Amino acid sequence: MFEDFTATDRWTRKPVHCVYQALIVAIATRHADAVDVKFLIDGRPAWVALPHPAWVEYKKRTGKHITDSLAVEIAGHYLKSALEAGEGLGREMYSLTVEETLTHLDAVVTAMQAPTAV
C-alpha cells in the first residue's frame, strides 16, 4: 500500500511520487532510539523516524509484533498524511511520537483488513 504511492501536496496541489528505499535501525546511524524508514519523494530523500518504544507498547497492547514491512506501511501512511496536510514537503526528517506511530499503525491495519471492492 505505502511502499510506492502518490500524494497530493496540499499547497501546490501537485502530485508527488513517494517510494520506499530503506529501513535502518537508527541506534547504529545516529544514536537514536528509533527505526528510520527512508523514502524518496520525487527523487529527494526523506526519513520517517519511528520510536522503538512503540514496538514495546504495541506488543503490550496487542501481543503482536511490528514487522519490518508493517513499519514501512506505518511510515508511508504517516508520510502521505503529512504531505496531504501540508506538513513540510521540503523536510528531510519526520519524527513520530509513540502515540502517533500507534495511530498510524491502527489506520494501516484497518485499511489492510477492509474488504476490497470488486
Protein backbone atom coordinates (compact mmCIF):
# COMPACT_ATOMS: atom_id res chain seq x y z
CA MET A 1 0.00 0.00 0.00
CA PHE A 2 2.60 2.57 1.04
CA GLU A 3 5.85 1.30 -0.47
CA ASP A 4 5.15 3.19 -3.70
CA PHE A 5 2.40 5.80 -3.69
CA THR A 6 1.38 9.24 -4.85
CA ALA A 7 0.20 12.02 -2.56
CA THR A 8 -1.15 15.43 -3.46
CA ASP A 9 0.76 18.28 -1.85
CA ARG A 10 -1.71 20.49 0.00
CA TRP A 11 -0.14 23.78 -1.03
CA THR A 12 0.79 23.21 -4.66
CA ARG A 13 -1.96 20.66 -5.44
CA LYS A 14 0.66 18.78 -7.42
CA PRO A 15 1.09 15.02 -7.12
CA VAL A 16 4.33 13.84 -5.52
CA HIS A 17 5.63 10.31 -6.02
CA CYS A 18 6.93 8.54 -2.91
CA VAL A 19 8.93 5.32 -2.99
CA TYR A 20 10.24 3.33 -0.03
CA GLN A 21 14.00 2.86 -0.18
CA ALA A 22 15.43 1.61 3.13
CA LEU A 23 14.78 0.71 6.75
CA ILE A 24 17.64 1.33 9.19
CA VAL A 25 17.92 0.95 12.94
CA ALA A 26 18.82 4.48 13.96
CA ILE A 27 20.84 3.42 17.00
CA ALA A 28 23.65 2.47 14.64
CA THR A 29 23.49 5.52 12.38
CA ARG A 30 22.54 8.46 14.57
CA HIS A 31 22.39 7.05 18.10
CA ALA A 32 18.61 7.44 18.30
CA ASP A 33 16.13 5.04 19.85
CA ALA A 34 14.22 4.68 16.59
CA VAL A 35 13.85 2.88 13.31
CA ASP A 36 14.39 5.20 10.34
CA VAL A 37 12.40 4.50 7.19
CA LYS A 38 13.76 6.20 4.08
CA PHE A 39 11.58 7.28 1.19
CA LEU A 40 12.33 9.18 -1.97
CA ILE A 41 9.82 11.97 -2.56
CA ASP A 42 10.08 12.90 -6.23
CA GLY A 43 13.68 11.66 -6.01
CA ARG A 44 14.58 13.60 -2.81
CA PRO A 45 15.35 11.62 0.35
CA ALA A 46 13.06 11.86 3.36
CA TRP A 47 13.27 9.87 6.58
CA VAL A 48 10.45 8.92 8.93
CA ALA A 49 11.70 8.05 12.42
CA LEU A 50 9.55 5.57 14.34
CA PRO A 51 10.42 5.35 18.06
CA HIS A 52 11.46 1.93 19.41
CA PRO A 53 9.17 2.24 22.45
CA ALA A 54 6.21 1.97 20.04
CA TRP A 55 7.24 -1.65 19.36
CA VAL A 56 7.11 -2.41 23.10
CA GLU A 57 3.81 -0.60 23.62
CA TYR A 58 2.16 -2.33 20.66
CA LYS A 59 3.32 -5.73 21.98
CA LYS A 60 1.90 -4.87 25.44
CA ARG A 61 -1.44 -3.73 23.98
CA THR A 62 -1.98 -6.48 21.41
CA GLY A 63 0.52 -9.29 21.95
CA LYS A 64 1.63 -8.81 18.34
CA HIS A 65 4.88 -7.59 16.82
CA ILE A 66 5.55 -4.70 14.45
CA THR A 67 7.32 -6.30 11.50
CA ASP A 68 9.68 -4.52 9.13
CA SER A 69 7.05 -4.46 6.40
CA LEU A 70 4.47 -3.08 8.84
CA ALA A 71 6.95 -0.35 9.89
CA VAL A 72 7.28 0.66 6.22
CA GLU A 73 3.49 0.84 5.93
CA ILE A 74 3.23 2.94 9.11
CA ALA A 75 5.88 5.38 7.88
CA GLY A 76 4.33 5.58 4.41
CA HIS A 77 0.87 6.20 5.84
CA TYR A 78 2.25 8.97 8.02
CA LEU A 79 4.21 10.50 5.13
CA LYS A 80 1.19 10.55 2.82
CA SER A 81 -0.92 12.14 5.57
CA ALA A 82 1.75 14.74 6.31
CA LEU A 83 2.20 15.71 2.68
CA GLU A 84 -1.53 15.98 2.08
CA ALA A 85 -1.88 18.10 5.24
CA GLY A 86 0.85 20.47 4.05
CA GLU A 87 3.37 19.50 6.72
CA GLY A 88 6.72 20.06 5.13
CA LEU A 89 7.20 18.93 1.55
CA GLY A 90 10.83 20.10 1.75
CA ARG A 91 11.66 18.35 5.04
CA GLU A 92 14.21 15.55 5.22
CA MET A 93 13.28 14.13 8.65
CA TYR A 94 9.94 13.43 10.24
CA SER A 95 9.92 12.12 13.83
CA LEU A 96 6.86 10.47 15.27
CA THR A 97 5.87 10.01 18.89
CA VAL A 98 4.85 6.61 20.23
CA GLU A 99 1.17 7.59 20.07
CA GLU A 100 1.48 8.95 16.52
CA THR A 101 3.15 5.72 15.47
CA LEU A 102 0.39 3.62 17.02
CA THR A 103 -2.32 5.82 15.48
CA HIS A 104 -0.85 5.34 12.01
CA LEU A 105 -0.36 1.63 12.71
CA ASP A 106 -4.06 1.31 13.60
CA ALA A 107 -5.02 3.11 10.37
CA VAL A 108 -2.84 0.79 8.29
CA VAL A 109 -4.16 -2.37 9.97
CA THR A 110 -7.74 -1.16 9.50
CA ALA A 111 -7.09 -0.47 5.81
CA MET A 112 -5.49 -3.89 5.36
CA GLN A 113 -8.48 -5.62 6.94
CA ALA A 114 -11.10 -3.67 4.96
CA PRO A 115 -12.85 -5.70 2.28
CA THR A 116 -11.70 -4.83 -1.21
CA ALA A 117 -14.18 -3.61 -3.79
CA VAL A 118 -14.52 -5.79 -6.85
